Amino acid sequence: MSLKGGDARTDTKVVMPNRERYTLTAIALHWIIAALIVANTALALSVDHWPDEWARPVIDAHKSIGVTVLGLALLRLLWRAAHAPPPLPSRYPHWERLAAHVGHGALYLIMIALPLSGWMHDSAWKDWATHPMRLYGAIPWPRISFIANLPPDVKERMHDLLGLIHRGFGYALYVLLTAHILAALKHQFFDNERELQRIWPARDAEF
């Protein structure tokens, strides 16, 4: 009996860390998307400082990364729907757990809305027909036809409006991402919780 009891305790020690940590797939998607968002933000903020001959390649790279983020964000949502994330520690105050859920939901929304609005903005560009879009210079990517085929005057107004919406989503992303990072650092270093370990790759992480 004591041997079985010892085995049960050992199994619990092995299994519990995975219950407290995201799956390896979710972790990979998290960090890949994070890296792409940082790179795309840098491109967006620096485009006016590149030489004229680099402006178009930088904008095209920005579009390609945006479409990639959109696809990965949708994939991450599908993965999350089939794989429940680890629960937040019960010792967190209720308002912090609620804020975490709201913040994560808002981040998912922005990760989809920001590139989607950019795709719509690009589709309303008056010169889209003479500048075909290719992901990373290789893969043909369509414009959204019902926007691209609008009358020129309507499309021009749509282009301006969608540009403002896309920029607004960008500012919202900066705020949400900053809050997300600060909250994680607070839990890790001020509350002495294993917050970063939940989302960091490990050898024994489950797929």
N, C-alpha and C. Protein backbone atom coordinates (compact mmCIF):
# COMPACT_ATOMS: atom_id res chain seq x y z
N MET A 1 0.83 -1.21 0.00
CA MET A 1 0.00 0.00 0.00
C MET A 1 0.86 1.26 0.00
N SER A 2 1.93 1.21 0.81
CA SER A 2 2.78 2.39 0.88
C SER A 2 3.48 2.64 -0.46
N LEU A 3 3.81 1.52 -1.16
CA LEU A 3 4.44 1.68 -2.46
C LEU A 3 3.50 2.34 -3.46
N LYS A 4 2.24 1.89 -3.45
CA LYS A 4 1.26 2.52 -4.35
C LYS A 4 1.06 3.99 -4.02
N GLY A 5 1.02 4.24 -2.72
CA GLY A 5 0.85 5.64 -2.31
C GLY A 5 2.01 6.48 -2.80
N GLY A 6 3.24 5.91 -2.69
CA GLY A 6 4.40 6.65 -3.16
C GLY A 6 4.35 6.90 -4.66
N ASP A 7 3.89 5.88 -5.43
CA ASP A 7 3.78 6.06 -6.87
C ASP A 7 2.78 7.14 -7.23
N ALA A 8 1.66 7.18 -6.51
CA ALA A 8 0.63 8.19 -6.78
C ALA A 8 1.18 9.58 -6.56
N ARG A 9 1.95 9.74 -5.47
CA ARG A 9 2.51 11.06 -5.21
C ARG A 9 3.52 11.45 -6.29
N THR A 10 4.31 10.45 -6.72
CA THR A 10 5.28 10.73 -7.78
C THR A 10 4.59 11.13 -9.07
N ASP A 11 3.52 10.38 -9.43
CA ASP A 11 2.78 10.71 -10.65
C ASP A 11 2.20 12.10 -10.57
N THR A 12 1.69 12.47 -9.40
CA THR A 12 1.10 13.79 -9.23
C THR A 12 2.13 14.88 -9.48
N LYS A 13 3.36 14.64 -8.97
CA LYS A 13 4.40 15.64 -9.16
C LYS A 13 4.77 15.80 -10.63
N VAL A 14 4.67 14.69 -11.39
CA VAL A 14 5.02 14.76 -12.80
C VAL A 14 3.91 15.43 -13.61
N VAL A 15 2.66 15.12 -13.30
CA VAL A 15 1.53 15.59 -14.09
C VAL A 15 1.16 17.03 -13.79
N MET A 16 1.24 17.42 -12.55
CA MET A 16 0.75 18.74 -12.15
C MET A 16 1.38 19.91 -12.90
N PRO A 17 2.72 19.90 -13.15
CA PRO A 17 3.27 21.03 -13.89
C PRO A 17 2.61 21.26 -15.24
N ASN A 18 2.24 20.16 -15.94
CA ASN A 18 1.58 20.33 -17.23
C ASN A 18 0.18 20.90 -17.09
N ARG A 19 -0.49 20.62 -15.99
CA ARG A 19 -1.81 21.20 -15.76
C ARG A 19 -1.71 22.69 -15.49
N GLU A 20 -0.56 23.12 -15.00
CA GLU A 20 -0.37 24.53 -14.68
C GLU A 20 0.25 25.30 -15.84
N ARG A 21 0.57 24.62 -16.92
CA ARG A 21 1.29 25.23 -18.03
C ARG A 21 0.49 25.05 -19.32
N TYR A 22 0.65 25.99 -20.24
CA TYR A 22 0.01 25.88 -21.54
C TYR A 22 0.63 24.72 -22.33
N THR A 23 -0.10 24.20 -23.30
CA THR A 23 0.44 23.14 -24.14
C THR A 23 1.58 23.71 -25.00
N LEU A 24 2.43 22.82 -25.48
CA LEU A 24 3.57 23.25 -26.28
C LEU A 24 3.12 23.97 -27.55
N THR A 25 2.02 23.51 -28.15
CA THR A 25 1.49 24.16 -29.35
C THR A 25 1.03 25.59 -29.04
N ALA A 26 0.31 25.75 -27.92
CA ALA A 26 -0.14 27.08 -27.53
C ALA A 26 1.04 27.99 -27.22
N ILE A 27 2.07 27.44 -26.58
CA ILE A 27 3.27 28.22 -26.26
C ILE A 27 3.96 28.68 -27.54
N ALA A 28 4.11 27.74 -28.50
CA ALA A 28 4.76 28.10 -29.76
C ALA A 28 3.98 29.19 -30.49
N LEU A 29 2.66 29.05 -30.57
CA LEU A 29 1.85 30.06 -31.24
C LEU A 29 1.95 31.41 -30.52
N HIS A 30 1.96 31.38 -29.20
CA HIS A 30 2.06 32.62 -28.42
C HIS A 30 3.32 33.39 -28.78
N TRP A 31 4.48 32.71 -28.76
CA TRP A 31 5.74 33.41 -28.97
C TRP A 31 5.97 33.77 -30.43
N ILE A 32 5.51 32.93 -31.35
CA ILE A 32 5.65 33.27 -32.77
C ILE A 32 4.82 34.51 -33.09
N ILE A 33 3.57 34.52 -32.62
CA ILE A 33 2.71 35.68 -32.87
C ILE A 33 3.29 36.92 -32.21
N ALA A 34 3.80 36.79 -30.98
CA ALA A 34 4.39 37.93 -30.28
C ALA A 34 5.57 38.50 -31.06
N ALA A 35 6.44 37.61 -31.56
CA ALA A 35 7.61 38.07 -32.33
C ALA A 35 7.18 38.77 -33.61
N LEU A 36 6.17 38.23 -34.29
CA LEU A 36 5.69 38.84 -35.53
C LEU A 36 5.05 40.20 -35.26
N ILE A 37 4.31 40.32 -34.16
CA ILE A 37 3.68 41.60 -33.83
C ILE A 37 4.74 42.65 -33.54
N VAL A 38 5.78 42.28 -32.79
CA VAL A 38 6.87 43.22 -32.50
C VAL A 38 7.55 43.65 -33.80
N ALA A 39 7.84 42.69 -34.68
CA ALA A 39 8.50 43.02 -35.95
C ALA A 39 7.62 43.92 -36.80
N ASN A 40 6.32 43.63 -36.84
CA ASN A 40 5.41 44.44 -37.67
C ASN A 40 5.22 45.83 -37.12
N THR A 41 5.20 45.94 -35.79
CA THR A 41 5.12 47.26 -35.17
C THR A 41 6.34 48.09 -35.52
N ALA A 42 7.52 47.46 -35.48
CA ALA A 42 8.75 48.17 -35.83
C ALA A 42 8.71 48.64 -37.28
N LEU A 43 8.20 47.80 -38.18
CA LEU A 43 8.09 48.20 -39.58
C LEU A 43 7.12 49.37 -39.75
N ALA A 44 5.98 49.29 -39.07
CA ALA A 44 4.97 50.35 -39.20
C ALA A 44 5.49 51.69 -38.69
N LEU A 45 6.22 51.66 -37.58
CA LEU A 45 6.69 52.90 -36.98
C LEU A 45 7.92 53.47 -37.68
N SER A 46 8.60 52.64 -38.46
CA SER A 46 9.85 53.09 -39.08
C SER A 46 9.73 53.36 -40.57
N VAL A 47 8.56 53.09 -41.15
CA VAL A 47 8.45 53.16 -42.61
C VAL A 47 8.81 54.53 -43.17
N ASP A 48 8.51 55.59 -42.44
CA ASP A 48 8.80 56.94 -42.93
C ASP A 48 10.28 57.27 -42.87
N HIS A 49 11.06 56.44 -42.21
CA HIS A 49 12.49 56.72 -42.05
C HIS A 49 13.36 55.90 -43.00
N TRP A 50 12.74 55.02 -43.79
CA TRP A 50 13.50 54.23 -44.75
C TRP A 50 13.73 55.04 -46.03
N PRO A 51 14.80 54.75 -46.76
CA PRO A 51 14.98 55.41 -48.08
C PRO A 51 13.80 55.13 -48.99
N ASP A 52 13.54 56.01 -49.93
CA ASP A 52 12.37 55.89 -50.80
C ASP A 52 12.31 54.53 -51.50
N GLU A 53 13.46 54.02 -51.93
CA GLU A 53 13.45 52.75 -52.66
C GLU A 53 13.12 51.56 -51.76
N TRP A 54 13.18 51.77 -50.44
CA TRP A 54 12.86 50.69 -49.49
C TRP A 54 11.43 50.78 -48.98
N ALA A 55 10.75 51.89 -49.23
CA ALA A 55 9.42 52.10 -48.65
C ALA A 55 8.44 51.02 -49.08
N ARG A 56 8.40 50.72 -50.39
CA ARG A 56 7.45 49.72 -50.87
C ARG A 56 7.76 48.32 -50.35
N PRO A 57 9.02 47.85 -50.38
CA PRO A 57 9.31 46.54 -49.78
C PRO A 57 8.96 46.46 -48.30
N VAL A 58 9.17 47.54 -47.55
CA VAL A 58 8.84 47.55 -46.13
C VAL A 58 7.33 47.43 -45.94
N ILE A 59 6.56 48.19 -46.74
CA ILE A 59 5.10 48.12 -46.65
C ILE A 59 4.60 46.73 -47.03
N ASP A 60 5.19 46.15 -48.08
CA ASP A 60 4.79 44.81 -48.50
C ASP A 60 5.10 43.78 -47.43
N ALA A 61 6.25 43.92 -46.76
CA ALA A 61 6.59 43.01 -45.66
C ALA A 61 5.61 43.17 -44.51
N HIS A 62 5.20 44.41 -44.24
CA HIS A 62 4.22 44.69 -43.19
C HIS A 62 2.90 43.98 -43.50
N LYS A 63 2.48 44.04 -44.75
CA LYS A 63 1.23 43.37 -45.16
C LYS A 63 1.36 41.85 -45.00
N SER A 64 2.50 41.30 -45.43
CA SER A 64 2.70 39.85 -45.36
C SER A 64 2.68 39.35 -43.93
N ILE A 65 3.35 40.07 -43.06
CA ILE A 65 3.38 39.67 -41.64
C ILE A 65 1.99 39.79 -41.04
N GLY A 66 1.26 40.85 -41.41
CA GLY A 66 -0.10 41.04 -40.90
C GLY A 66 -1.01 39.87 -41.26
N VAL A 67 -0.95 39.42 -42.52
CA VAL A 67 -1.76 38.28 -42.94
C VAL A 67 -1.35 37.02 -42.18
N THR A 68 -0.05 36.86 -41.95
CA THR A 68 0.43 35.70 -41.19
C THR A 68 -0.09 35.72 -39.76
N VAL A 69 -0.07 36.89 -39.14
CA VAL A 69 -0.60 37.01 -37.78
C VAL A 69 -2.09 36.68 -37.75
N LEU A 70 -2.82 37.13 -38.76
CA LEU A 70 -4.25 36.83 -38.83
C LEU A 70 -4.48 35.33 -38.87
N GLY A 71 -3.76 34.64 -39.73
CA GLY A 71 -3.92 33.19 -39.83
C GLY A 71 -3.53 32.47 -38.55
N LEU A 72 -2.41 32.87 -37.94
CA LEU A 72 -1.96 32.22 -36.71
C LEU A 72 -2.89 32.52 -35.55
N ALA A 73 -3.45 33.73 -35.50
CA ALA A 73 -4.40 34.07 -34.44
C ALA A 73 -5.66 33.22 -34.53
N LEU A 74 -6.14 33.02 -35.75
CA LEU A 74 -7.31 32.14 -35.93
C LEU A 74 -6.98 30.71 -35.55
N LEU A 75 -5.79 30.25 -35.91
CA LEU A 75 -5.35 28.91 -35.54
C LEU A 75 -5.26 28.78 -34.03
N ARG A 76 -4.75 29.82 -33.38
CA ARG A 76 -4.63 29.78 -31.92
C ARG A 76 -6.00 29.73 -31.26
N LEU A 77 -6.96 30.46 -31.82
CA LEU A 77 -8.32 30.41 -31.27
C LEU A 77 -8.91 29.01 -31.41
N LEU A 78 -8.70 28.39 -32.55
CA LEU A 78 -9.20 27.03 -32.75
C LEU A 78 -8.53 26.05 -31.78
N TRP A 79 -7.23 26.22 -31.57
CA TRP A 79 -6.52 25.35 -30.64
C TRP A 79 -7.05 25.55 -29.22
N ARG A 80 -7.27 26.80 -28.86
CA ARG A 80 -7.76 27.09 -27.51
C ARG A 80 -9.16 26.52 -27.29
N ALA A 81 -9.98 26.54 -28.35
CA ALA A 81 -11.34 26.00 -28.22
C ALA A 81 -11.32 24.51 -27.92
N ALA A 82 -10.29 23.82 -28.39
CA ALA A 82 -10.20 22.37 -28.17
C ALA A 82 -9.29 22.00 -27.01
N HIS A 83 -8.54 22.96 -26.48
CA HIS A 83 -7.60 22.70 -25.38
C HIS A 83 -7.74 23.81 -24.35
N ALA A 84 -8.41 23.53 -23.27
CA ALA A 84 -8.64 24.54 -22.24
C ALA A 84 -7.31 25.01 -21.67
N PRO A 85 -7.12 26.31 -21.51
CA PRO A 85 -5.87 26.82 -20.93
C PRO A 85 -5.80 26.48 -19.45
N PRO A 86 -4.62 26.49 -18.88
CA PRO A 86 -4.50 26.21 -17.44
C PRO A 86 -5.23 27.29 -16.63
N PRO A 87 -5.91 26.90 -15.57
CA PRO A 87 -6.65 27.90 -14.79
C PRO A 87 -5.70 28.85 -14.07
N LEU A 88 -6.15 30.07 -13.88
CA LEU A 88 -5.38 31.02 -13.09
C LEU A 88 -5.39 30.58 -11.63
N PRO A 89 -4.32 30.83 -10.90
CA PRO A 89 -4.29 30.44 -9.48
C PRO A 89 -5.47 31.04 -8.71
N SER A 90 -6.08 30.24 -7.88
CA SER A 90 -7.24 30.71 -7.12
C SER A 90 -6.87 31.79 -6.12
N ARG A 91 -5.59 31.88 -5.77
CA ARG A 91 -5.16 32.90 -4.81
C ARG A 91 -5.12 34.31 -5.43
N TYR A 92 -5.22 34.39 -6.78
CA TYR A 92 -5.31 35.71 -7.40
C TYR A 92 -6.63 36.34 -6.99
N PRO A 93 -6.64 37.63 -6.69
CA PRO A 93 -7.91 38.31 -6.39
C PRO A 93 -8.89 38.16 -7.56
N HIS A 94 -10.16 38.19 -7.24
CA HIS A 94 -11.19 38.00 -8.28
C HIS A 94 -11.04 39.04 -9.38
N TRP A 95 -10.75 40.28 -9.02
CA TRP A 95 -10.69 41.33 -10.03
C TRP A 95 -9.50 41.11 -10.98
N GLU A 96 -8.41 40.52 -10.47
CA GLU A 96 -7.27 40.25 -11.33
C GLU A 96 -7.57 39.11 -12.31
N ARG A 97 -8.27 38.09 -11.82
CA ARG A 97 -8.64 37.00 -12.72
C ARG A 97 -9.62 37.48 -13.79
N LEU A 98 -10.57 38.33 -13.38
CA LEU A 98 -11.53 38.89 -14.34
C LEU A 98 -10.81 39.76 -15.36
N ALA A 99 -9.89 40.60 -14.86
CA ALA A 99 -9.13 41.48 -15.76
C ALA A 99 -8.29 40.67 -16.75
N ALA A 100 -7.73 39.55 -16.28
CA ALA A 100 -6.92 38.70 -17.15
C ALA A 100 -7.77 38.11 -18.27
N HIS A 101 -8.98 37.64 -17.93
CA HIS A 101 -9.86 37.07 -18.95
C HIS A 101 -10.30 38.13 -19.95
N VAL A 102 -10.65 39.31 -19.46
CA VAL A 102 -11.07 40.40 -20.35
C VAL A 102 -9.90 40.83 -21.24
N GLY A 103 -8.71 40.95 -20.63
CA GLY A 103 -7.53 41.36 -21.39
C GLY A 103 -7.17 40.37 -22.48
N HIS A 104 -7.23 39.07 -22.14
CA HIS A 104 -6.92 38.05 -23.14
C HIS A 104 -7.95 38.08 -24.28
N GLY A 105 -9.22 38.23 -23.93
CA GLY A 105 -10.25 38.31 -24.96
C GLY A 105 -10.03 39.50 -25.88
N ALA A 106 -9.66 40.65 -25.29
CA ALA A 106 -9.42 41.85 -26.08
C ALA A 106 -8.20 41.67 -26.99
N LEU A 107 -7.17 40.98 -26.49
CA LEU A 107 -5.98 40.73 -27.31
C LEU A 107 -6.31 39.83 -28.51
N TYR A 108 -7.11 38.80 -28.28
CA TYR A 108 -7.52 37.93 -29.38
C TYR A 108 -8.30 38.75 -30.42
N LEU A 109 -9.20 39.60 -29.94
CA LEU A 109 -10.00 40.42 -30.85
C LEU A 109 -9.11 41.34 -31.68
N ILE A 110 -8.13 41.99 -31.03
CA ILE A 110 -7.24 42.90 -31.73
C ILE A 110 -6.34 42.15 -32.72
N MET A 111 -5.87 40.96 -32.33
CA MET A 111 -4.99 40.19 -33.22
C MET A 111 -5.70 39.80 -34.51
N ILE A 112 -7.02 39.76 -34.48
CA ILE A 112 -7.79 39.47 -35.69
C ILE A 112 -8.23 40.76 -36.38
N ALA A 113 -8.73 41.71 -35.59
CA ALA A 113 -9.27 42.95 -36.17
C ALA A 113 -8.18 43.82 -36.81
N LEU A 114 -6.99 43.85 -36.21
CA LEU A 114 -5.94 44.72 -36.74
C LEU A 114 -5.49 44.29 -38.14
N PRO A 115 -5.07 43.04 -38.35
CA PRO A 115 -4.69 42.66 -39.72
C PRO A 115 -5.86 42.64 -40.69
N LEU A 116 -7.06 42.30 -40.20
CA LEU A 116 -8.23 42.29 -41.08
C LEU A 116 -8.54 43.69 -41.57
N SER A 117 -8.47 44.67 -40.67
CA SER A 117 -8.72 46.05 -41.09
C SER A 117 -7.63 46.53 -42.05
N GLY A 118 -6.39 46.06 -41.83
CA GLY A 118 -5.32 46.42 -42.75
C GLY A 118 -5.55 45.82 -44.14
N TRP A 119 -6.02 44.60 -44.19
CA TRP A 119 -6.33 43.94 -45.46
C TRP A 119 -7.46 44.69 -46.18
N MET A 120 -8.47 45.12 -45.42
CA MET A 120 -9.56 45.89 -46.01
C MET A 120 -9.06 47.24 -46.49
N HIS A 121 -8.20 47.87 -45.71
CA HIS A 121 -7.63 49.17 -46.08
C HIS A 121 -6.84 49.04 -47.39
N ASP A 122 -6.03 47.99 -47.51
CA ASP A 122 -5.25 47.77 -48.72
C ASP A 122 -6.15 47.48 -49.92
N SER A 123 -7.26 46.78 -49.68
CA SER A 123 -8.19 46.45 -50.76
C SER A 123 -8.88 47.69 -51.31
N ALA A 124 -8.96 48.74 -50.50
CA ALA A 124 -9.59 49.99 -50.94
C ALA A 124 -8.59 50.96 -51.57
N TRP A 125 -7.34 50.54 -51.68
CA TRP A 125 -6.31 51.38 -52.29
C TRP A 125 -6.60 51.55 -53.78
N LYS A 126 -6.55 52.77 -54.26
CA LYS A 126 -6.93 53.06 -55.66
C LYS A 126 -5.99 52.38 -56.66
N ASP A 127 -4.75 52.14 -56.28
CA ASP A 127 -3.77 51.57 -57.21
C ASP A 127 -3.54 50.08 -56.98
N TRP A 128 -4.49 49.41 -56.32
CA TRP A 128 -4.25 48.01 -56.00
C TRP A 128 -4.08 47.14 -57.25
N ALA A 129 -4.79 47.50 -58.34
CA ALA A 129 -4.75 46.66 -59.55
C ALA A 129 -3.36 46.63 -60.19
N THR A 130 -2.60 47.72 -60.06
CA THR A 130 -1.27 47.77 -60.66
C THR A 130 -0.18 47.34 -59.70
N HIS A 131 -0.56 47.00 -58.47
CA HIS A 131 0.40 46.54 -57.47
C HIS A 131 -0.12 45.26 -56.83
N PRO A 132 -0.01 44.13 -57.53
CA PRO A 132 -0.51 42.87 -56.96
C PRO A 132 0.20 42.54 -55.66
N MET A 133 -0.54 41.96 -54.75
CA MET A 133 -0.01 41.63 -53.43
C MET A 133 0.51 40.20 -53.42
N ARG A 134 1.74 40.04 -52.96
CA ARG A 134 2.34 38.71 -52.84
C ARG A 134 2.93 38.56 -51.44
N LEU A 135 2.52 37.52 -50.75
CA LEU A 135 3.05 37.28 -49.41
C LEU A 135 4.52 36.93 -49.51
N TYR A 136 5.33 37.74 -48.84
CA TYR A 136 6.78 37.55 -48.82
C TYR A 136 7.36 37.50 -50.23
N GLY A 137 6.70 38.24 -51.14
CA GLY A 137 7.18 38.36 -52.50
C GLY A 137 6.99 37.13 -53.36
N ALA A 138 6.28 36.10 -52.84
CA ALA A 138 6.20 34.84 -53.57
C ALA A 138 4.78 34.32 -53.76
N ILE A 139 3.94 34.45 -52.74
CA ILE A 139 2.63 33.81 -52.77
C ILE A 139 1.55 34.85 -53.12
N PRO A 140 0.85 34.69 -54.24
CA PRO A 140 -0.21 35.66 -54.59
C PRO A 140 -1.29 35.70 -53.51
N TRP A 141 -1.70 36.90 -53.16
CA TRP A 141 -2.74 37.07 -52.15
C TRP A 141 -3.79 38.03 -52.68
N PRO A 142 -5.08 37.66 -52.61
CA PRO A 142 -6.13 38.50 -53.21
C PRO A 142 -6.49 39.69 -52.33
N ARG A 143 -7.02 40.72 -52.98
CA ARG A 143 -7.70 41.78 -52.25
C ARG A 143 -9.14 41.31 -51.98
N ILE A 144 -9.81 42.01 -51.09
CA ILE A 144 -11.21 41.68 -50.79
C ILE A 144 -12.05 42.29 -51.91
N SER A 145 -12.66 41.44 -52.71
CA SER A 145 -13.24 41.87 -53.99
C SER A 145 -14.35 42.90 -53.83
N PHE A 146 -15.24 42.73 -52.84
CA PHE A 146 -16.37 43.67 -52.76
C PHE A 146 -15.91 45.07 -52.38
N ILE A 147 -14.73 45.18 -51.76
CA ILE A 147 -14.17 46.50 -51.45
C ILE A 147 -13.38 47.01 -52.65
N ALA A 148 -12.56 46.15 -53.23
CA ALA A 148 -11.71 46.55 -54.36
C ALA A 148 -12.53 47.02 -55.56
N ASN A 149 -13.74 46.50 -55.71
CA ASN A 149 -14.56 46.82 -56.88
C ASN A 149 -15.60 47.91 -56.63
N LEU A 150 -15.49 48.61 -55.52
CA LEU A 150 -16.39 49.73 -55.25
C LEU A 150 -16.12 50.87 -56.24
N PRO A 151 -17.10 51.76 -56.45
CA PRO A 151 -16.85 52.95 -57.29
C PRO A 151 -15.68 53.75 -56.72
N PRO A 152 -14.88 54.38 -57.58
CA PRO A 152 -13.67 55.06 -57.13
C PRO A 152 -13.88 56.07 -56.00
N ASP A 153 -14.94 56.88 -56.08
CA ASP A 153 -15.15 57.89 -55.05
C ASP A 153 -15.50 57.25 -53.71
N VAL A 154 -16.33 56.19 -53.76
CA VAL A 154 -16.68 55.48 -52.53
C VAL A 154 -15.46 54.77 -51.96
N LYS A 155 -14.67 54.18 -52.84
CA LYS A 155 -13.49 53.44 -52.40
C LYS A 155 -12.47 54.37 -51.75
N GLU A 156 -12.34 55.57 -52.27
CA GLU A 156 -11.39 56.52 -51.69
C GLU A 156 -11.79 56.90 -50.26
N ARG A 157 -13.09 57.11 -50.07
CA ARG A 157 -13.57 57.42 -48.70
C ARG A 157 -13.37 56.21 -47.79
N MET A 158 -13.63 55.02 -48.31
CA MET A 158 -13.42 53.80 -47.53
C MET A 158 -11.96 53.64 -47.16
N HIS A 159 -11.07 53.97 -48.08
CA HIS A 159 -9.64 53.85 -47.84
C HIS A 159 -9.22 54.74 -46.67
N ASP A 160 -9.70 55.98 -46.67
CA ASP A 160 -9.37 56.90 -45.59
C ASP A 160 -9.94 56.43 -44.26
N LEU A 161 -11.21 56.00 -44.28
CA LEU A 161 -11.85 55.54 -43.05
C LEU A 161 -11.18 54.29 -42.49
N LEU A 162 -10.90 53.33 -43.37
CA LEU A 162 -10.28 52.09 -42.93
C LEU A 162 -8.86 52.32 -42.44
N GLY A 163 -8.20 53.32 -43.01
CA GLY A 163 -6.86 53.68 -42.52
C GLY A 163 -6.92 54.18 -41.08
N LEU A 164 -7.92 55.01 -40.77
CA LEU A 164 -8.10 55.50 -39.41
C LEU A 164 -8.44 54.36 -38.45
N ILE A 165 -9.30 53.45 -38.89
CA ILE A 165 -9.69 52.31 -38.06
C ILE A 165 -8.48 51.42 -37.79
N HIS A 166 -7.70 51.16 -38.83
CA HIS A 166 -6.51 50.32 -38.69
C HIS A 166 -5.52 50.95 -37.71
N ARG A 167 -5.33 52.25 -37.83
CA ARG A 167 -4.41 52.96 -36.92
C ARG A 167 -4.94 52.91 -35.49
N GLY A 168 -6.26 53.07 -35.34
CA GLY A 168 -6.85 53.01 -34.00
C GLY A 168 -6.66 51.65 -33.35
N PHE A 169 -6.85 50.58 -34.13
CA PHE A 169 -6.60 49.24 -33.61
C PHE A 169 -5.13 49.07 -33.23
N GLY A 170 -4.24 49.70 -33.99
CA GLY A 170 -2.82 49.63 -33.66
C GLY A 170 -2.54 50.25 -32.30
N TYR A 171 -3.12 51.43 -32.04
CA TYR A 171 -2.93 52.06 -30.73
C TYR A 171 -3.52 51.20 -29.62
N ALA A 172 -4.67 50.60 -29.89
CA ALA A 172 -5.29 49.72 -28.89
C ALA A 172 -4.37 48.54 -28.58
N LEU A 173 -3.72 48.00 -29.62
CA LEU A 173 -2.79 46.89 -29.42
C LEU A 173 -1.63 47.31 -28.53
N TYR A 174 -1.08 48.51 -28.74
CA TYR A 174 0.03 48.97 -27.91
C TYR A 174 -0.38 49.01 -26.43
N VAL A 175 -1.59 49.52 -26.18
CA VAL A 175 -2.06 49.63 -24.80
C VAL A 175 -2.27 48.25 -24.18
N LEU A 176 -2.96 47.37 -24.90
CA LEU A 176 -3.25 46.04 -24.37
C LEU A 176 -1.97 45.22 -24.18
N LEU A 177 -1.06 45.32 -25.13
CA LEU A 177 0.19 44.56 -25.03
C LEU A 177 1.03 45.04 -23.86
N THR A 178 1.08 46.36 -23.66
CA THR A 178 1.82 46.90 -22.53
C THR A 178 1.21 46.44 -21.20
N ALA A 179 -0.12 46.49 -21.11
CA ALA A 179 -0.80 46.04 -19.89
C ALA A 179 -0.56 44.55 -19.65
N HIS A 180 -0.59 43.76 -20.72
CA HIS A 180 -0.37 42.32 -20.63
C HIS A 180 1.03 42.01 -20.09
N ILE A 181 2.04 42.70 -20.63
CA ILE A 181 3.42 42.47 -20.20
C ILE A 181 3.63 42.91 -18.76
N LEU A 182 3.11 44.08 -18.41
CA LEU A 182 3.27 44.59 -17.05
C LEU A 182 2.59 43.68 -16.03
N ALA A 183 1.40 43.16 -16.38
CA ALA A 183 0.70 42.26 -15.46
C ALA A 183 1.50 40.97 -15.25
N ALA A 184 2.06 40.43 -16.33
CA ALA A 184 2.86 39.21 -16.21
C ALA A 184 4.10 39.44 -15.35
N LEU A 185 4.76 40.58 -15.55
CA LEU A 185 5.96 40.88 -14.76
C LEU A 185 5.61 41.12 -13.30
N LYS A 186 4.45 41.74 -13.04
CA LYS A 186 4.02 41.95 -11.66
C LYS A 186 3.84 40.62 -10.95
N HIS A 187 3.12 39.70 -11.58
CA HIS A 187 2.87 38.39 -10.96
C HIS A 187 4.17 37.62 -10.75
N GLN A 188 5.09 37.75 -11.71
CA GLN A 188 6.33 36.98 -11.65
C GLN A 188 7.28 37.51 -10.58
N PHE A 189 7.48 38.83 -10.54
CA PHE A 189 8.55 39.39 -9.72
C PHE A 189 8.09 40.08 -8.45
N PHE A 190 6.83 40.54 -8.41
CA PHE A 190 6.34 41.18 -7.20
C PHE A 190 5.49 40.23 -6.36
N ASP A 191 4.71 39.38 -7.04
CA ASP A 191 3.86 38.43 -6.32
C ASP A 191 4.53 37.07 -6.14
N ASN A 192 5.72 36.90 -6.74
CA ASN A 192 6.47 35.64 -6.65
C ASN A 192 5.66 34.44 -7.14
N GLU A 193 4.91 34.65 -8.22
CA GLU A 193 4.17 33.56 -8.85
C GLU A 193 4.99 33.04 -10.04
N ARG A 194 4.70 31.81 -10.47
CA ARG A 194 5.40 31.22 -11.62
C ARG A 194 4.62 31.54 -12.91
N GLU A 195 4.43 32.83 -13.14
CA GLU A 195 3.60 33.26 -14.26
C GLU A 195 4.28 32.98 -15.61
N LEU A 196 5.54 33.34 -15.72
CA LEU A 196 6.23 33.15 -16.99
C LEU A 196 6.45 31.68 -17.31
N GLN A 197 6.59 30.86 -16.27
CA GLN A 197 6.79 29.42 -16.50
C GLN A 197 5.57 28.78 -17.16
N ARG A 198 4.40 29.37 -16.96
CA ARG A 198 3.17 28.83 -17.56
C ARG A 198 3.22 28.87 -19.09
N ILE A 199 3.94 29.85 -19.63
CA ILE A 199 3.94 30.09 -21.07
C ILE A 199 5.32 29.91 -21.67
N TRP A 200 6.26 29.31 -20.91
CA TRP A 200 7.63 29.12 -21.40
C TRP A 200 7.82 27.66 -21.78
N PRO A 201 8.49 27.36 -22.91
CA PRO A 201 8.67 25.96 -23.32
C PRO A 201 9.43 25.15 -22.27
N ALA A 202 9.08 23.89 -22.15
CA ALA A 202 9.76 22.97 -21.23
C ALA A 202 9.81 21.59 -21.87
N ARG A 203 10.76 20.80 -21.47
CA ARG A 203 10.93 19.47 -22.07
C ARG A 203 9.74 18.57 -21.85
N ASP A 204 9.10 18.72 -20.69
CA ASP A 204 7.99 17.81 -20.38
C ASP A 204 6.64 18.41 -20.71
N ALA A 205 6.63 19.51 -21.48
CA ALA A 205 5.35 20.11 -21.85
C ALA A 205 4.59 19.20 -22.79
N GLU A 206 3.27 19.20 -22.67
CA GLU A 206 2.43 18.38 -23.54
C GLU A 206 2.05 19.17 -24.79
N PHE A 207 1.85 18.44 -25.90
CA PHE A 207 1.42 19.08 -27.13
C PHE A 207 -0.04 19.49 -27.04
